[in-house]
């Protein structure tokens, strides 16, 4: 129970960033929504993060399709999840690295 409360506290503290990253990654949206409800996140920040993340993701796909045509659309349909996941992992590693530097 103590571990769960600590997780909820961290999730609540960084709710906008956590929901944004979760919504932009190829992660099941239902898990994000259920965990936000369990941890009692605010509705307005939750919705703002979701709309911003999904809007950014769809805008990037639309912009790439407009610039490079349907060839890139087919490529993105197959590989967008892996690309975004790799980008998210790199960002998470960078945050962890700088956080560890700040702790020492």
Protein backbone atom coordinates (compact mmCIF):
# COMPACT_ATOMS: atom_id res chain seq x y z
CA UNK A 1 0.00 0.00 0.00
CA UNK A 2 2.84 2.39 0.83
CA UNK A 3 4.44 1.74 -2.57
CA UNK A 4 1.12 2.36 -4.32
CA UNK A 5 0.65 5.65 -2.43
CA UNK A 6 4.16 6.78 -3.43
CA UNK A 7 3.43 5.95 -7.08
CA UNK A 8 0.15 7.90 -6.94
CA UNK A 9 1.92 10.84 -5.29
CA UNK A 10 4.53 10.95 -8.06
CA UNK A 11 1.85 10.53 -10.71
CA UNK A 12 -0.14 13.39 -9.20
CA UNK A 13 2.93 15.61 -8.89
CA UNK A 14 3.93 15.14 -12.54
CA UNK A 15 0.46 14.47 -13.93
CA UNK A 16 0.57 16.70 -16.99
CA UNK A 17 3.96 15.45 -18.18
CA UNK A 18 3.15 11.81 -17.37
CA UNK A 19 -0.19 11.87 -19.18
CA UNK A 20 1.31 13.76 -22.14
CA UNK A 21 4.14 11.25 -22.55
CA UNK A 22 1.79 8.31 -22.05
CA UNK A 23 -0.64 9.66 -24.64
CA UNK A 24 2.01 10.32 -27.26
CA UNK A 25 3.68 6.91 -26.86
CA UNK A 26 2.14 3.78 -28.36
CA UNK A 27 0.78 2.78 -24.98
CA UNK A 28 -2.79 1.58 -24.35
CA UNK A 29 -4.83 4.72 -23.67
CA UNK A 30 -7.19 2.80 -21.41
CA UNK A 31 -4.36 2.21 -18.92
CA UNK A 32 -3.55 5.92 -18.83
CA UNK A 33 -7.19 6.85 -18.26
CA UNK A 34 -7.76 4.21 -15.57
CA UNK A 35 -4.56 5.05 -13.70
CA UNK A 36 -5.48 8.74 -13.79
CA UNK A 37 -8.84 7.93 -12.25
CA UNK A 38 -7.37 5.66 -9.57
CA UNK A 39 -4.84 8.33 -8.56
CA UNK A 40 -7.52 11.09 -8.65
CA UNK A 41 -5.86 13.34 -11.21
CA UNK A 42 -7.59 16.57 -12.11
CA UNK A 43 -9.93 16.39 -15.09
CA UNK A 44 -8.87 19.66 -16.76
CA UNK A 45 -5.08 18.98 -16.72
CA UNK A 46 -5.77 15.41 -17.84
CA UNK A 47 -7.87 16.53 -20.81
CA UNK A 48 -5.41 19.31 -21.73
CA UNK A 49 -2.50 16.86 -21.76
CA UNK A 50 -4.44 14.29 -23.78
CA UNK A 51 -5.58 16.80 -26.40
CA UNK A 52 -2.09 18.31 -26.69
CA UNK A 53 -0.36 14.92 -27.05
CA UNK A 54 -2.82 13.36 -29.47
CA UNK A 55 -3.04 16.60 -31.45
CA UNK A 56 0.75 16.76 -31.74
CA UNK A 57 0.97 13.14 -32.83
CA UNK A 58 -1.72 13.50 -35.51
CA UNK A 59 -0.33 16.86 -36.65
CA UNK A 60 3.12 15.32 -37.17
CA UNK A 61 1.64 12.48 -39.19
CA UNK A 62 -0.42 14.89 -41.29
CA UNK A 63 2.56 17.21 -41.87
CA UNK A 64 4.78 14.31 -42.94
CA UNK A 65 2.09 12.96 -45.26
CA UNK A 66 1.61 16.39 -46.81
CA UNK A 67 5.34 16.85 -47.35
CA UNK A 68 6.36 13.34 -48.52
CA UNK A 69 3.10 11.81 -49.71
CA UNK A 70 1.49 8.45 -49.09
CA UNK A 71 4.82 6.60 -49.08
CA UNK A 72 5.68 8.10 -45.70
CA UNK A 73 2.13 7.42 -44.47
CA UNK A 74 2.56 3.70 -45.08
CA UNK A 75 5.98 3.79 -43.40
CA UNK A 76 4.60 5.68 -40.39
CA UNK A 77 1.67 3.30 -40.06
CA UNK A 78 4.14 0.44 -39.70
CA UNK A 79 6.90 2.11 -37.68
CA UNK A 80 5.47 5.18 -35.87
CA UNK A 81 5.04 3.29 -32.60
CA UNK A 82 8.65 2.14 -32.54
CA UNK A 83 9.94 5.58 -33.52
CA UNK A 84 7.96 7.39 -30.81
CA UNK A 85 8.86 4.73 -28.24
CA UNK A 86 12.57 5.11 -29.06
CA UNK A 87 12.32 8.89 -28.86
CA UNK A 88 10.48 8.65 -25.53
CA UNK A 89 13.11 6.25 -24.19
CA UNK A 90 15.89 8.65 -25.17
CA UNK A 91 14.11 11.53 -23.44
CA UNK A 92 13.51 9.43 -20.32
CA UNK A 93 17.17 8.39 -20.21
CA UNK A 94 18.24 12.03 -20.56
CA UNK A 95 15.91 13.10 -17.73
CA UNK A 96 17.18 10.25 -15.53
CA UNK A 97 20.78 11.18 -16.31
CA UNK A 98 20.34 14.83 -15.39
CA UNK A 99 18.29 13.92 -12.32
CA UNK A 100 21.09 11.61 -11.17
CA UNK A 101 23.64 14.39 -11.73
CA UNK A 102 21.54 16.72 -9.61
CA UNK A 103 21.34 14.19 -6.76
CA UNK A 104 25.12 13.76 -6.50
